[in-house]
Amino acid sequence: MHIDKEIDTSGLNCPLPILKAKKALNEMTSGQVLKVIATDPGAWRDFEAFARQTGNDLVMQEKNETSFVFALKRR
């Protein structure tokens, strides 16, 4: 998957990962993909809800030993 922009929100708690993702997506064009790295356990459900509410596609959602990784495709 081609990633157009990546942000690392490690160490930040809700709502900061979502707010930073929203800001980054606003600077992107339709169809571009944003990768977000987060460590807040609540990010899993937060990004699902964010995608539903904004119409952006959550095209990837992974959990590894130390973080959560999301990819959002700009609507």
PDB file of N, CA and C in Angstrom:
ATOM      1  N   MET A   1       0.836  -1.179   0.000  1.00  0.00           N
ATOM      2  CA  MET A   1       0.000   0.000   0.000  1.00  0.00           C
ATOM      3  C   MET A   1       0.884   1.246   0.000  1.00  0.00           C
ATOM      4  N   HIS A   2       0.526   2.173  -0.829  1.00  0.00           N
ATOM      5  CA  HIS A   2       1.280   3.430  -0.918  1.00  0.00           C
ATOM      6  C   HIS A   2       0.823   4.376   0.184  1.00  0.00           C
ATOM      7  N   ILE A   3       1.757   4.847   0.974  1.00  0.00           N
ATOM      8  CA  ILE A   3       1.478   5.798   2.050  1.00  0.00           C
ATOM      9  C   ILE A   3       1.957   7.183   1.602  1.00  0.00           C
ATOM     10  N   ASP A   4       1.055   8.160   1.648  1.00  0.00           N
ATOM     11  CA  ASP A   4       1.403   9.515   1.226  1.00  0.00           C
ATOM     12  C   ASP A   4       1.962  10.363   2.360  1.00  0.00           C
ATOM     13  N   LYS A   5       1.518  10.076   3.578  1.00  0.00           N
ATOM     14  CA  LYS A   5       1.974  10.849   4.731  1.00  0.00           C
ATOM     15  C   LYS A   5       1.892   9.948   5.961  1.00  0.00           C
ATOM     16  N   GLU A   6       2.824  10.143   6.896  1.00  0.00           N
ATOM     17  CA  GLU A   6       2.841   9.349   8.120  1.00  0.00           C
ATOM     18  C   GLU A   6       3.001  10.264   9.320  1.00  0.00           C
ATOM     19  N   ILE A   7       2.222   9.985  10.372  1.00  0.00           N
ATOM     20  CA  ILE A   7       2.384  10.719  11.626  1.00  0.00           C
ATOM     21  C   ILE A   7       2.527   9.715  12.765  1.00  0.00           C
ATOM     22  N   ASP A   8       3.337  10.073  13.736  1.00  0.00           N
ATOM     23  CA  ASP A   8       3.564   9.222  14.903  1.00  0.00           C
ATOM     24  C   ASP A   8       2.993   9.932  16.119  1.00  0.00           C
ATOM     25  N   THR A   9       1.932   9.358  16.678  1.00  0.00           N
ATOM     26  CA  THR A   9       1.297   9.960  17.853  1.00  0.00           C
ATOM     27  C   THR A   9       1.593   9.140  19.109  1.00  0.00           C
ATOM     28  N   SER A  10       2.668   8.397  19.079  1.00  0.00           N
ATOM     29  CA  SER A  10       3.052   7.574  20.229  1.00  0.00           C
ATOM     30  C   SER A  10       3.172   8.432  21.480  1.00  0.00           C
ATOM     31  N   GLY A  11       2.635   7.922  22.577  1.00  0.00           N
ATOM     32  CA  GLY A  11       2.700   8.636  23.843  1.00  0.00           C
ATOM     33  C   GLY A  11       1.566   9.615  24.062  1.00  0.00           C
ATOM     34  N   LEU A  12       0.784   9.881  23.027  1.00  0.00           N
ATOM     35  CA  LEU A  12      -0.329  10.817  23.157  1.00  0.00           C
ATOM     36  C   LEU A  12      -1.616  10.046  23.448  1.00  0.00           C
ATOM     37  N   ASN A  13      -2.444  10.611  24.314  1.00  0.00           N
ATOM     38  CA  ASN A  13      -3.716   9.979  24.655  1.00  0.00           C
ATOM     39  C   ASN A  13      -4.867  10.697  23.982  1.00  0.00           C
ATOM     40  N   CYS A  14      -5.992  10.036  23.931  1.00  0.00           N
ATOM     41  CA  CYS A  14      -7.217  10.558  23.355  1.00  0.00           C
ATOM     42  C   CYS A  14      -7.491  11.946  23.930  1.00  0.00           C
ATOM     43  N   PRO A  15      -7.868  12.889  23.122  1.00  0.00           N
ATOM     44  CA  PRO A  15      -8.208  12.822  21.703  1.00  0.00           C
ATOM     45  C   PRO A  15      -7.079  13.234  20.766  1.00  0.00           C
ATOM     46  N   LEU A  16      -5.868  13.395  21.277  1.00  0.00           N
ATOM     47  CA  LEU A  16      -4.794  13.951  20.450  1.00  0.00           C
ATOM     48  C   LEU A  16      -4.468  13.138  19.188  1.00  0.00           C
ATOM     49  N   PRO A  17      -4.410  11.798  19.224  1.00  0.00           N
ATOM     50  CA  PRO A  17      -4.128  11.080  17.963  1.00  0.00           C
ATOM     51  C   PRO A  17      -5.170  11.380  16.871  1.00  0.00           C
ATOM     52  N   ILE A  18      -6.436  11.445  17.271  1.00  0.00           N
ATOM     53  CA  ILE A  18      -7.502  11.753  16.302  1.00  0.00           C
ATOM     54  C   ILE A  18      -7.366  13.183  15.787  1.00  0.00           C
ATOM     55  N   LEU A  19      -7.109  14.116  16.681  1.00  0.00           N
ATOM     56  CA  LEU A  19      -6.975  15.516  16.260  1.00  0.00           C
ATOM     57  C   LEU A  19      -5.804  15.708  15.303  1.00  0.00           C
ATOM     58  N   LYS A  20      -4.684  15.050  15.578  1.00  0.00           N
ATOM     59  CA  LYS A  20      -3.527  15.157  14.688  1.00  0.00           C
ATOM     60  C   LYS A  20      -3.815  14.492  13.342  1.00  0.00           C
ATOM     61  N   ALA A  21      -4.534  13.380  13.362  1.00  0.00           N
ATOM     62  CA  ALA A  21      -4.912  12.716  12.109  1.00  0.00           C
ATOM     63  C   ALA A  21      -5.852  13.597  11.299  1.00  0.00           C
ATOM     64  N   LYS A  22      -6.811  14.210  11.970  1.00  0.00           N
ATOM     65  CA  LYS A  22      -7.757  15.093  11.282  1.00  0.00           C
ATOM     66  C   LYS A  22      -7.020  16.256  10.622  1.00  0.00           C
ATOM     67  N   LYS A  23      -6.095  16.852  11.342  1.00  0.00           N
ATOM     68  CA  LYS A  23      -5.311  17.974  10.794  1.00  0.00           C
ATOM     69  C   LYS A  23      -4.507  17.517   9.573  1.00  0.00           C
ATOM     70  N   ALA A  24      -3.860  16.351   9.686  1.00  0.00           N
ATOM     71  CA  ALA A  24      -3.062  15.846   8.565  1.00  0.00           C
ATOM     72  C   ALA A  24      -3.940  15.543   7.358  1.00  0.00           C
ATOM     73  N   LEU A  25      -5.099  14.924   7.589  1.00  0.00           N
ATOM     74  CA  LEU A  25      -6.006  14.605   6.478  1.00  0.00           C
ATOM     75  C   LEU A  25      -6.501  15.866   5.782  1.00  0.00           C
ATOM     76  N   ASN A  26      -6.721  16.926   6.542  1.00  0.00           N
ATOM     77  CA  ASN A  26      -7.190  18.187   5.954  1.00  0.00           C
ATOM     78  C   ASN A  26      -6.159  18.789   5.009  1.00  0.00           C
ATOM     79  N   GLU A  27      -4.896  18.439   5.191  1.00  0.00           N
ATOM     80  CA  GLU A  27      -3.826  18.947   4.329  1.00  0.00           C
ATOM     81  C   GLU A  27      -3.590  18.049   3.114  1.00  0.00           C
ATOM     82  N   MET A  28      -4.332  16.962   3.025  1.00  0.00           N
ATOM     83  CA  MET A  28      -4.135  15.992   1.937  1.00  0.00           C
ATOM     84  C   MET A  28      -5.260  16.111   0.919  1.00  0.00           C
ATOM     85  N   THR A  29      -5.049  15.493  -0.244  1.00  0.00           N
ATOM     86  CA  THR A  29      -6.079  15.500  -1.274  1.00  0.00           C
ATOM     87  C   THR A  29      -6.823  14.170  -1.285  1.00  0.00           C
ATOM     88  N   SER A  30      -7.970  14.161  -1.910  1.00  0.00           N
ATOM     89  CA  SER A  30      -8.812  12.976  -1.973  1.00  0.00           C
ATOM     90  C   SER A  30      -8.042  11.779  -2.552  1.00  0.00           C
ATOM     91  N   GLY A  31      -8.163  10.636  -1.887  1.00  0.00           N
ATOM     92  CA  GLY A  31      -7.507   9.422  -2.358  1.00  0.00           C
ATOM     93  C   GLY A  31      -6.139   9.172  -1.745  1.00  0.00           C
ATOM     94  N   GLN A  32      -5.558  10.193  -1.104  1.00  0.00           N
ATOM     95  CA  GLN A  32      -4.258   9.992  -0.471  1.00  0.00           C
ATOM     96  C   GLN A  32      -4.423   9.200   0.825  1.00  0.00           C
ATOM     97  N   VAL A  33      -3.346   8.517   1.234  1.00  0.00           N
ATOM     98  CA  VAL A  33      -3.395   7.647   2.403  1.00  0.00           C
ATOM     99  C   VAL A  33      -2.487   8.183   3.506  1.00  0.00           C
ATOM    100  N   LEU A  34      -3.062   8.264   4.704  1.00  0.00           N
ATOM    101  CA  LEU A  34      -2.346   8.707   5.900  1.00  0.00           C
ATOM    102  C   LEU A  34      -2.108   7.505   6.804  1.00  0.00           C
ATOM    103  N   LYS A  35      -0.860   7.324   7.224  1.00  0.00           N
ATOM    104  CA  LYS A  35      -0.526   6.273   8.184  1.00  0.00           C
ATOM    105  C   LYS A  35      -0.354   6.922   9.552  1.00  0.00           C
ATOM    106  N   VAL A  36      -0.998   6.332  10.567  1.00  0.00           N
ATOM    107  CA  VAL A  36      -0.931   6.864  11.923  1.00  0.00           C
ATOM    108  C   VAL A  36      -0.426   5.764  12.857  1.00  0.00           C
ATOM    109  N   ILE A  37       0.583   6.092  13.648  1.00  0.00           N
ATOM    110  CA  ILE A  37       1.087   5.185  14.675  1.00  0.00           C
ATOM    111  C   ILE A  37       0.634   5.749  16.017  1.00  0.00           C
ATOM    112  N   ALA A  38       0.024   4.893  16.835  1.00  0.00           N
ATOM    113  CA  ALA A  38      -0.488   5.331  18.131  1.00  0.00           C
ATOM    114  C   ALA A  38      -0.185   4.288  19.198  1.00  0.00           C
ATOM    115  N   THR A  39      -0.121   4.730  20.453  1.00  0.00           N
ATOM    116  CA  THR A  39       0.089   3.797  21.560  1.00  0.00           C
ATOM    117  C   THR A  39      -1.098   3.784  22.519  1.00  0.00           C
ATOM    118  N   ASP A  40      -2.017   4.706  22.379  1.00  0.00           N
ATOM    119  CA  ASP A  40      -3.192   4.765  23.245  1.00  0.00           C
ATOM    120  C   ASP A  40      -4.115   3.588  22.917  1.00  0.00           C
ATOM    121  N   PRO A  41      -4.406   2.706  23.893  1.00  0.00           N
ATOM    122  CA  PRO A  41      -5.270   1.556  23.624  1.00  0.00           C
ATOM    123  C   PRO A  41      -6.655   1.944  23.107  1.00  0.00           C
ATOM    124  N   GLY A  42      -7.126   3.122  23.472  1.00  0.00           N
ATOM    125  CA  GLY A  42      -8.427   3.577  22.999  1.00  0.00           C
ATOM    126  C   GLY A  42      -8.438   3.961  21.531  1.00  0.00           C
ATOM    127  N   ALA A  43      -7.255   4.080  20.938  1.00  0.00           N
ATOM    128  CA  ALA A  43      -7.171   4.492  19.530  1.00  0.00           C
ATOM    129  C   ALA A  43      -7.865   3.498  18.609  1.00  0.00           C
ATOM    130  N   TRP A  44      -7.874   2.214  18.992  1.00  0.00           N
ATOM    131  CA  TRP A  44      -8.483   1.185  18.136  1.00  0.00           C
ATOM    132  C   TRP A  44      -9.931   1.542  17.829  1.00  0.00           C
ATOM    133  N   ARG A  45     -10.713   1.787  18.843  1.00  0.00           N
ATOM    134  CA  ARG A  45     -12.128   2.117  18.603  1.00  0.00           C
ATOM    135  C   ARG A  45     -12.292   3.569  18.155  1.00  0.00           C
ATOM    136  N   ASP A  46     -11.392   4.452  18.609  1.00  0.00           N
ATOM    137  CA  ASP A  46     -11.489   5.854  18.209  1.00  0.00           C
ATOM    138  C   ASP A  46     -11.339   6.023  16.703  1.00  0.00           C
ATOM    139  N   PHE A  47     -10.373   5.316  16.106  1.00  0.00           N
ATOM    140  CA  PHE A  47     -10.159   5.463  14.663  1.00  0.00           C
ATOM    141  C   PHE A  47     -11.274   4.807  13.854  1.00  0.00           C
ATOM    142  N   GLU A  48     -11.859   3.722  14.386  1.00  0.00           N
ATOM    143  CA  GLU A  48     -13.012   3.129  13.710  1.00  0.00           C
ATOM    144  C   GLU A  48     -14.167   4.128  13.670  1.00  0.00           C
ATOM    145  N   ALA A  49     -14.438   4.755  14.811  1.00  0.00           N
ATOM    146  CA  ALA A  49     -15.519   5.730  14.894  1.00  0.00           C
ATOM    147  C   ALA A  49     -15.218   6.968  14.043  1.00  0.00           C
ATOM    148  N   PHE A  50     -13.974   7.430  14.086  1.00  0.00           N
ATOM    149  CA  PHE A  50     -13.571   8.592  13.296  1.00  0.00           C
ATOM    150  C   PHE A  50     -13.807   8.343  11.805  1.00  0.00           C
ATOM    151  N   ALA A  51     -13.435   7.167  11.332  1.00  0.00           N
ATOM    152  CA  ALA A  51     -13.624   6.845   9.913  1.00  0.00           C
ATOM    153  C   ALA A  51     -15.115   6.837   9.555  1.00  0.00           C
ATOM    154  N   ARG A  52     -15.919   6.229  10.398  1.00  0.00           N
ATOM    155  CA  ARG A  52     -17.371   6.192  10.144  1.00  0.00           C
ATOM    156  C   ARG A  52     -17.956   7.599  10.105  1.00  0.00           C
ATOM    157  N   GLN A  53     -17.559   8.439  11.055  1.00  0.00           N
ATOM    158  CA  GLN A  53     -18.142   9.771  11.174  1.00  0.00           C
ATOM    159  C   GLN A  53     -17.683  10.732  10.084  1.00  0.00           C
ATOM    160  N   THR A  54     -16.478  10.549   9.585  1.00  0.00           N
ATOM    161  CA  THR A  54     -15.935  11.503   8.613  1.00  0.00           C
ATOM    162  C   THR A  54     -16.056  11.043   7.170  1.00  0.00           C
ATOM    163  N   GLY A  55     -16.323   9.754   6.954  1.00  0.00           N
ATOM    164  CA  GLY A  55     -16.409   9.233   5.594  1.00  0.00           C
ATOM    165  C   GLY A  55     -15.070   8.854   4.995  1.00  0.00           C
ATOM    166  N   ASN A  56     -13.982   8.999   5.764  1.00  0.00           N
ATOM    167  CA  ASN A  56     -12.680   8.525   5.300  1.00  0.00           C
ATOM    168  C   ASN A  56     -12.637   7.005   5.477  1.00  0.00           C
ATOM    169  N   ASP A  57     -11.887   6.316   4.620  1.00  0.00           N
ATOM    170  CA  ASP A  57     -11.811   4.860   4.689  1.00  0.00           C
ATOM    171  C   ASP A  57     -10.669   4.430   5.602  1.00  0.00           C
ATOM    172  N   LEU A  58     -10.976   3.571   6.563  1.00  0.00           N
ATOM    173  CA  LEU A  58      -9.954   2.953   7.404  1.00  0.00           C
ATOM    174  C   LEU A  58      -9.495   1.706   6.648  1.00  0.00           C
ATOM    175  N   VAL A  59      -8.423   1.850   5.877  1.00  0.00           N
ATOM    176  CA  VAL A  59      -8.001   0.783   4.967  1.00  0.00           C
ATOM    177  C   VAL A  59      -7.039  -0.211   5.605  1.00  0.00           C
ATOM    178  N   MET A  60      -6.514   0.134   6.786  1.00  0.00           N
ATOM    179  CA  MET A  60      -5.619  -0.783   7.487  1.00  0.00           C
ATOM    180  C   MET A  60      -5.655  -0.472   8.969  1.00  0.00           C
ATOM    181  N   GLN A  61      -5.646  -1.541   9.763  1.00  0.00           N
ATOM    182  CA  GLN A  61      -5.674  -1.406  11.212  1.00  0.00           C
ATOM    183  C   GLN A  61      -4.901  -2.597  11.765  1.00  0.00           C
ATOM    184  N   GLU A  62      -3.752  -2.339  12.388  1.00  0.00           N
ATOM    185  CA  GLU A  62      -2.905  -3.410  12.904  1.00  0.00           C
ATOM    186  C   GLU A  62      -2.501  -3.118  14.340  1.00  0.00           C
ATOM    187  N   LYS A  63      -2.306  -4.191  15.067  1.00  0.00           N
ATOM    188  CA  LYS A  63      -1.810  -4.075  16.444  1.00  0.00           C
ATOM    189  C   LYS A  63      -0.520  -4.882  16.507  1.00  0.00           C
ATOM    190  N   ASN A  64       0.537  -4.267  17.012  1.00  0.00           N
ATOM    191  CA  ASN A  64       1.768  -5.023  17.218  1.00  0.00           C
ATOM    192  C   ASN A  64       2.146  -4.942  18.694  1.00  0.00           C
ATOM    193  N   GLU A  65       3.321  -5.370  19.040  1.00  0.00           N
ATOM    194  CA  GLU A  65       3.704  -5.455  20.456  1.00  0.00           C
ATOM    195  C   GLU A  65       3.703  -4.115  21.182  1.00  0.00           C
ATOM    196  N   THR A  66       4.037  -3.053  20.473  1.00  0.00           N
ATOM    197  CA  THR A  66       4.199  -1.769  21.151  1.00  0.00           C
ATOM    198  C   THR A  66       3.244  -0.668  20.694  1.00  0.00           C
ATOM    199  N   SER A  67       2.536  -0.879  19.601  1.00  0.00           N
ATOM    200  CA  SER A  67       1.694   0.204  19.096  1.00  0.00           C
ATOM    201  C   SER A  67       0.571  -0.309  18.214  1.00  0.00           C
ATOM    202  N   PHE A  68      -0.255   0.629  17.814  1.00  0.00           N
ATOM    203  CA  PHE A  68      -1.335   0.402  16.858  1.00  0.00           C
ATOM    204  C   PHE A  68      -0.990   1.198  15.609  1.00  0.00           C
ATOM    205  N   VAL A  69      -1.291   0.629  14.451  1.00  0.00           N
ATOM    206  CA  VAL A  69      -0.989   1.311  13.183  1.00  0.00           C
ATOM    207  C   VAL A  69      -2.288   1.354  12.368  1.00  0.00           C
ATOM    208  N   PHE A  70      -2.590   2.525  11.872  1.00  0.00           N
ATOM    209  CA  PHE A  70      -3.791   2.736  11.085  1.00  0.00           C
ATOM    210  C   PHE A  70      -3.446   3.397   9.761  1.00  0.00           C
ATOM    211  N   ALA A  71      -4.216   3.103   8.741  1.00  0.00           N
ATOM    212  CA  ALA A  71      -4.091   3.806   7.473  1.00  0.00           C
ATOM    213  C   ALA A  71      -5.486   4.303   7.091  1.00  0.00           C
ATOM    214  N   LEU A  72      -5.566   5.581   6.856  1.00  0.00           N
ATOM    215  CA  LEU A  72      -6.821   6.218   6.477  1.00  0.00           C
ATOM    216  C   LEU A  72      -6.694   6.783   5.076  1.00  0.00           C
ATOM    217  N   LYS A  73      -7.674   6.468   4.232  1.00  0.00           N
ATOM    218  CA  LYS A  73      -7.703   7.004   2.875  1.00  0.00           C
ATOM    219  C   LYS A  73      -8.653   8.196   2.865  1.00  0.00           C
ATOM    220  N   ARG A  74      -8.124   9.324   2.454  1.00  0.00           N
ATOM    221  CA  ARG A  74      -8.893  10.594   2.447  1.00  0.00           C
ATOM    222  C   ARG A  74     -10.058  10.489   1.484  1.00  0.00           C
ATOM    223  N   ARG A  75     -11.210  10.912   1.959  1.00  0.00           N
ATOM    224  CA  ARG A  75     -12.416  10.871   1.103  1.00  0.00           C
ATOM    225  C   ARG A  75     -12.357  11.903   0.023  1.00  0.00           C
TER     226      ARG A  75
END
